[in-house]
């Protein structure tokens, strides 16, 4: 991972897009890349949640600019530190589970 995770509520611009995204979750998976775990899930900003078709998954590497940093308190720092330490482990576990379910030892789809 290229940098530390951003807190929930952070608003970012993604490379190649004009609509800002508000981070609403961590480590989502999606049908477009089975067996892959993204860094974040997010909603278009300022609209927020509109429907299930407008929940996006993206990685740190796709973030071009941080427009606003989400709320942070002591609990946030404790949680984010624990999550940061586990992200790669979670990604590896999901990839192994997907390989087992698909019956293939091929690499994950990109």
N, C-alpha and C. Protein backbone atom coordinates (compact mmCIF):
# COMPACT_ATOMS: atom_id res chain seq x y z
N UNK A 1 0.84 -1.17 0.00
CA UNK A 1 0.00 0.00 0.00
C UNK A 1 0.89 1.23 0.00
N UNK A 2 0.52 2.24 -0.77
CA UNK A 2 1.40 3.38 -0.95
C UNK A 2 1.36 4.37 0.20
N UNK A 3 0.29 4.40 0.99
CA UNK A 3 0.20 5.33 2.12
C UNK A 3 -0.81 4.81 3.12
N UNK A 4 -0.87 5.47 4.26
CA UNK A 4 -1.81 5.04 5.28
C UNK A 4 -3.24 5.26 4.83
N UNK A 5 -4.14 4.46 5.39
CA UNK A 5 -5.56 4.60 5.06
C UNK A 5 -6.11 5.91 5.59
N UNK A 6 -7.08 6.44 4.88
CA UNK A 6 -7.76 7.67 5.27
C UNK A 6 -9.01 7.31 6.08
N UNK A 7 -9.43 8.17 7.00
CA UNK A 7 -10.61 7.86 7.82
C UNK A 7 -11.91 7.97 7.04
N UNK A 8 -12.93 7.29 7.55
CA UNK A 8 -14.28 7.38 7.02
C UNK A 8 -14.69 8.86 6.97
N UNK A 9 -15.39 9.24 5.92
CA UNK A 9 -15.83 10.62 5.77
C UNK A 9 -14.87 11.49 4.98
N UNK A 10 -13.67 10.98 4.72
CA UNK A 10 -12.72 11.74 3.91
C UNK A 10 -13.27 11.86 2.49
N UNK A 11 -13.01 13.00 1.86
CA UNK A 11 -13.47 13.24 0.50
C UNK A 11 -12.23 13.35 -0.38
N UNK A 12 -12.23 12.59 -1.48
CA UNK A 12 -11.05 12.51 -2.34
C UNK A 12 -11.43 12.67 -3.81
N UNK A 13 -10.46 13.12 -4.59
CA UNK A 13 -10.58 13.07 -6.05
C UNK A 13 -9.80 11.85 -6.51
N UNK A 14 -10.42 11.07 -7.38
CA UNK A 14 -9.74 9.91 -7.95
C UNK A 14 -9.14 10.30 -9.30
N UNK A 15 -8.04 9.68 -9.64
CA UNK A 15 -7.39 9.94 -10.92
C UNK A 15 -8.37 9.67 -12.06
N UNK A 16 -8.44 10.58 -13.01
CA UNK A 16 -9.27 10.39 -14.19
C UNK A 16 -10.75 10.61 -13.98
N UNK A 17 -11.15 11.16 -12.83
CA UNK A 17 -12.58 11.41 -12.58
C UNK A 17 -12.77 12.86 -12.15
N UNK A 18 -13.98 13.34 -12.29
CA UNK A 18 -14.29 14.71 -11.88
C UNK A 18 -15.15 14.76 -10.63
N UNK A 19 -15.86 13.67 -10.34
CA UNK A 19 -16.76 13.64 -9.20
C UNK A 19 -16.00 13.18 -7.96
N UNK A 20 -15.98 13.98 -6.89
CA UNK A 20 -15.32 13.54 -5.66
C UNK A 20 -16.02 12.34 -5.04
N UNK A 21 -15.27 11.56 -4.28
CA UNK A 21 -15.80 10.40 -3.57
C UNK A 21 -15.62 10.61 -2.07
N UNK A 22 -16.64 10.23 -1.30
CA UNK A 22 -16.54 10.24 0.15
C UNK A 22 -16.32 8.80 0.62
N UNK A 23 -15.28 8.58 1.36
CA UNK A 23 -14.96 7.23 1.85
C UNK A 23 -16.00 6.83 2.90
N UNK A 24 -16.56 5.62 2.71
CA UNK A 24 -17.58 5.14 3.64
C UNK A 24 -17.26 3.76 4.21
N UNK A 25 -16.16 3.14 3.77
CA UNK A 25 -15.83 1.82 4.30
C UNK A 25 -14.46 1.36 3.85
N UNK A 26 -14.02 0.25 4.45
CA UNK A 26 -12.71 -0.31 4.19
C UNK A 26 -12.82 -1.76 3.73
N UNK A 27 -11.89 -2.17 2.90
CA UNK A 27 -11.71 -3.56 2.46
C UNK A 27 -12.95 -4.19 1.81
N UNK A 28 -13.61 -3.46 0.90
CA UNK A 28 -14.75 -4.07 0.22
C UNK A 28 -14.30 -5.00 -0.90
N UNK A 29 -15.19 -5.89 -1.28
CA UNK A 29 -14.98 -6.73 -2.45
C UNK A 29 -16.10 -6.40 -3.44
N UNK A 30 -15.92 -6.78 -4.68
CA UNK A 30 -16.94 -6.50 -5.66
C UNK A 30 -16.94 -7.51 -6.78
N UNK A 31 -18.05 -7.64 -7.49
CA UNK A 31 -18.16 -8.64 -8.55
C UNK A 31 -17.26 -8.37 -9.76
N UNK A 32 -16.83 -7.14 -9.94
CA UNK A 32 -15.99 -6.83 -11.11
C UNK A 32 -14.61 -7.50 -11.02
N UNK A 33 -14.14 -7.74 -9.79
CA UNK A 33 -12.83 -8.38 -9.58
C UNK A 33 -12.95 -9.41 -8.47
N UNK A 34 -13.54 -10.56 -8.75
CA UNK A 34 -13.69 -11.58 -7.72
C UNK A 34 -12.34 -11.95 -7.10
N UNK A 35 -12.32 -12.05 -5.78
CA UNK A 35 -11.09 -12.42 -5.08
C UNK A 35 -10.18 -11.25 -4.78
N UNK A 36 -10.58 -10.04 -5.14
CA UNK A 36 -9.76 -8.85 -4.91
C UNK A 36 -10.40 -8.00 -3.82
N UNK A 37 -9.59 -7.47 -2.92
CA UNK A 37 -10.05 -6.59 -1.86
C UNK A 37 -9.51 -5.19 -2.12
N UNK A 38 -10.42 -4.25 -2.26
CA UNK A 38 -10.04 -2.85 -2.45
C UNK A 38 -9.70 -2.22 -1.10
N UNK A 39 -9.08 -1.06 -1.12
CA UNK A 39 -8.80 -0.34 0.12
C UNK A 39 -10.05 0.32 0.68
N UNK A 40 -10.90 0.87 -0.21
CA UNK A 40 -12.04 1.67 0.24
C UNK A 40 -13.32 1.37 -0.55
N UNK A 41 -14.44 1.71 0.09
CA UNK A 41 -15.70 1.87 -0.63
C UNK A 41 -16.08 3.33 -0.45
N UNK A 42 -16.83 3.86 -1.42
CA UNK A 42 -17.18 5.28 -1.33
C UNK A 42 -18.43 5.61 -2.12
N UNK A 43 -18.96 6.79 -1.83
CA UNK A 43 -20.13 7.34 -2.50
C UNK A 43 -19.74 8.63 -3.20
N UNK A 44 -20.43 8.95 -4.28
CA UNK A 44 -20.19 10.26 -4.90
C UNK A 44 -20.51 11.38 -3.90
N UNK A 45 -19.70 12.41 -3.92
CA UNK A 45 -19.91 13.54 -3.02
C UNK A 45 -20.38 14.73 -3.85
N UNK A 46 -21.40 15.45 -3.48
CA UNK A 46 -22.05 15.51 -2.17
C UNK A 46 -23.31 14.66 -2.05
N UNK A 47 -23.67 13.91 -3.11
CA UNK A 47 -24.93 13.17 -3.09
C UNK A 47 -25.01 12.11 -1.99
N UNK A 48 -23.90 11.40 -1.76
CA UNK A 48 -23.93 10.31 -0.79
C UNK A 48 -24.61 9.08 -1.36
N UNK A 49 -25.13 8.25 -0.49
CA UNK A 49 -25.77 7.00 -0.90
C UNK A 49 -27.06 7.28 -1.64
N UNK A 50 -27.14 6.79 -2.88
CA UNK A 50 -28.36 6.93 -3.68
C UNK A 50 -28.98 5.57 -3.96
N UNK A 51 -28.15 4.61 -4.33
CA UNK A 51 -28.60 3.24 -4.55
C UNK A 51 -27.37 2.33 -4.62
N UNK A 52 -27.61 1.03 -4.63
CA UNK A 52 -26.50 0.08 -4.58
C UNK A 52 -25.62 0.12 -5.82
N UNK A 53 -26.10 0.71 -6.90
CA UNK A 53 -25.29 0.81 -8.11
C UNK A 53 -24.28 1.95 -8.05
N UNK A 54 -24.39 2.78 -7.03
CA UNK A 54 -23.47 3.91 -6.89
C UNK A 54 -22.62 3.79 -5.64
N UNK A 55 -22.20 2.59 -5.34
CA UNK A 55 -21.20 2.35 -4.30
C UNK A 55 -19.94 1.94 -5.05
N UNK A 56 -18.89 2.68 -4.88
CA UNK A 56 -17.66 2.46 -5.64
C UNK A 56 -16.59 1.85 -4.75
N UNK A 57 -15.71 1.08 -5.36
CA UNK A 57 -14.55 0.52 -4.67
C UNK A 57 -13.31 1.09 -5.34
N UNK A 58 -12.31 1.45 -4.52
CA UNK A 58 -11.08 2.00 -5.08
C UNK A 58 -9.93 1.79 -4.10
N UNK A 59 -8.73 1.97 -4.61
CA UNK A 59 -7.51 1.78 -3.83
C UNK A 59 -6.79 3.10 -3.60
N UNK A 60 -5.89 3.10 -2.63
CA UNK A 60 -5.08 4.28 -2.33
C UNK A 60 -4.40 4.83 -3.58
N UNK A 61 -3.89 3.93 -4.42
CA UNK A 61 -3.15 4.34 -5.61
C UNK A 61 -4.00 5.14 -6.59
N UNK A 62 -5.31 5.02 -6.49
CA UNK A 62 -6.21 5.75 -7.40
C UNK A 62 -6.52 7.16 -6.90
N UNK A 63 -6.16 7.46 -5.67
CA UNK A 63 -6.45 8.77 -5.11
C UNK A 63 -5.43 9.79 -5.63
N UNK A 64 -5.98 10.83 -6.25
CA UNK A 64 -5.13 11.89 -6.77
C UNK A 64 -4.93 13.00 -5.74
N UNK A 65 -6.01 13.30 -5.00
CA UNK A 65 -5.95 14.41 -4.05
C UNK A 65 -6.96 14.22 -2.93
N UNK A 66 -6.56 14.55 -1.72
CA UNK A 66 -7.47 14.52 -0.57
C UNK A 66 -8.06 15.92 -0.43
N UNK A 67 -9.39 16.00 -0.54
CA UNK A 67 -10.07 17.29 -0.44
C UNK A 67 -10.45 17.63 0.99
N UNK A 68 -10.81 16.61 1.77
CA UNK A 68 -11.20 16.81 3.17
C UNK A 68 -10.90 15.53 3.94
N UNK A 69 -10.39 15.68 5.12
CA UNK A 69 -10.06 14.54 5.97
C UNK A 69 -11.22 14.27 6.91
N UNK A 70 -11.65 13.01 7.01
CA UNK A 70 -12.77 12.64 7.88
C UNK A 70 -12.46 12.82 9.35
N UNK A 71 -13.52 12.77 10.15
CA UNK A 71 -13.42 12.94 11.60
C UNK A 71 -12.47 11.91 12.20
N UNK A 72 -11.65 12.39 13.15
CA UNK A 72 -10.72 11.50 13.83
C UNK A 72 -10.71 11.80 15.32
N UNK A 73 -10.81 10.75 16.11
CA UNK A 73 -10.66 10.85 17.55
C UNK A 73 -9.78 9.70 18.00
N UNK A 74 -9.65 9.51 19.29
CA UNK A 74 -8.78 8.45 19.80
C UNK A 74 -9.20 7.08 19.27
N UNK A 75 -10.50 6.81 19.27
CA UNK A 75 -10.99 5.52 18.77
C UNK A 75 -10.64 5.32 17.30
N UNK A 76 -10.72 6.38 16.53
CA UNK A 76 -10.38 6.30 15.11
C UNK A 76 -8.92 5.89 14.94
N UNK A 77 -8.03 6.51 15.69
CA UNK A 77 -6.60 6.19 15.59
C UNK A 77 -6.31 4.75 15.99
N UNK A 78 -6.95 4.28 17.05
CA UNK A 78 -6.75 2.89 17.48
C UNK A 78 -7.25 1.93 16.40
N UNK A 79 -8.45 2.19 15.88
CA UNK A 79 -9.03 1.33 14.85
C UNK A 79 -8.19 1.36 13.58
N UNK A 80 -7.82 2.55 13.14
CA UNK A 80 -7.06 2.67 11.89
C UNK A 80 -5.69 2.00 11.99
N UNK A 81 -5.06 2.08 13.14
CA UNK A 81 -3.77 1.42 13.34
C UNK A 81 -3.93 -0.10 13.23
N UNK A 82 -4.95 -0.64 13.89
CA UNK A 82 -5.19 -2.09 13.83
C UNK A 82 -5.56 -2.51 12.41
N UNK A 83 -6.39 -1.73 11.74
CA UNK A 83 -6.79 -2.05 10.38
C UNK A 83 -5.60 -2.01 9.43
N UNK A 84 -4.79 -0.98 9.55
CA UNK A 84 -3.62 -0.83 8.68
C UNK A 84 -2.72 -2.06 8.78
N UNK A 85 -2.57 -2.60 9.98
CA UNK A 85 -1.73 -3.77 10.18
C UNK A 85 -2.34 -5.03 9.58
N UNK A 86 -3.66 -5.07 9.42
CA UNK A 86 -4.33 -6.28 8.95
C UNK A 86 -4.72 -6.28 7.48
N UNK A 87 -4.67 -5.13 6.80
CA UNK A 87 -5.18 -5.03 5.44
C UNK A 87 -4.56 -6.06 4.50
N UNK A 88 -3.25 -6.15 4.47
CA UNK A 88 -2.60 -7.09 3.55
C UNK A 88 -2.97 -8.53 3.88
N UNK A 89 -3.09 -8.83 5.16
CA UNK A 89 -3.50 -10.18 5.58
C UNK A 89 -4.91 -10.49 5.08
N UNK A 90 -5.82 -9.54 5.22
CA UNK A 90 -7.19 -9.73 4.75
C UNK A 90 -7.21 -9.94 3.24
N UNK A 91 -6.44 -9.13 2.51
CA UNK A 91 -6.40 -9.26 1.05
C UNK A 91 -5.90 -10.65 0.64
N UNK A 92 -4.89 -11.16 1.32
CA UNK A 92 -4.36 -12.48 1.01
C UNK A 92 -5.37 -13.58 1.34
N UNK A 93 -6.08 -13.44 2.46
CA UNK A 93 -7.09 -14.43 2.84
C UNK A 93 -8.21 -14.50 1.81
N UNK A 94 -8.69 -13.36 1.35
CA UNK A 94 -9.77 -13.33 0.36
C UNK A 94 -9.30 -13.94 -0.95
N UNK A 95 -8.08 -13.62 -1.36
CA UNK A 95 -7.54 -14.18 -2.61
C UNK A 95 -7.46 -15.70 -2.52
N UNK A 96 -7.00 -16.22 -1.39
CA UNK A 96 -6.91 -17.68 -1.21
C UNK A 96 -8.30 -18.31 -1.21
N UNK A 97 -9.25 -17.65 -0.55
CA UNK A 97 -10.62 -18.17 -0.52
C UNK A 97 -11.20 -18.20 -1.93
N UNK A 98 -10.99 -17.17 -2.70
CA UNK A 98 -11.49 -17.12 -4.07
C UNK A 98 -10.88 -18.23 -4.91
N UNK A 99 -9.58 -18.44 -4.76
CA UNK A 99 -8.91 -19.51 -5.51
C UNK A 99 -9.52 -20.86 -5.17
N UNK A 100 -9.82 -21.08 -3.90
CA UNK A 100 -10.43 -22.32 -3.48
C UNK A 100 -11.83 -22.50 -4.03
N UNK A 101 -12.61 -21.41 -4.07
CA UNK A 101 -13.98 -21.48 -4.58
C UNK A 101 -14.01 -21.65 -6.09
N UNK A 102 -13.04 -21.04 -6.79
CA UNK A 102 -13.05 -21.12 -8.25
C UNK A 102 -12.41 -22.41 -8.76
N UNK A 103 -11.71 -23.10 -7.84
CA UNK A 103 -11.07 -24.35 -8.24
C UNK A 103 -9.87 -24.13 -9.12
N UNK A 104 -9.33 -22.92 -9.08
CA UNK A 104 -8.20 -22.58 -9.94
C UNK A 104 -7.07 -22.01 -9.12
N UNK A 105 -5.86 -22.26 -9.57
CA UNK A 105 -4.72 -21.67 -8.90
C UNK A 105 -4.14 -20.52 -9.71
N UNK A 106 -4.92 -20.05 -10.69
CA UNK A 106 -4.47 -18.94 -11.51
C UNK A 106 -4.42 -17.67 -10.67
N UNK A 107 -3.68 -16.67 -11.17
CA UNK A 107 -3.61 -15.41 -10.48
C UNK A 107 -4.97 -14.74 -10.52
N UNK A 108 -5.17 -13.78 -9.58
CA UNK A 108 -6.41 -13.03 -9.53
C UNK A 108 -6.57 -12.20 -10.80
N UNK A 109 -7.80 -12.04 -11.25
CA UNK A 109 -8.02 -11.18 -12.42
C UNK A 109 -7.69 -9.74 -12.09
N UNK A 110 -7.16 -9.02 -13.05
CA UNK A 110 -6.87 -7.61 -12.87
C UNK A 110 -7.94 -6.88 -13.59
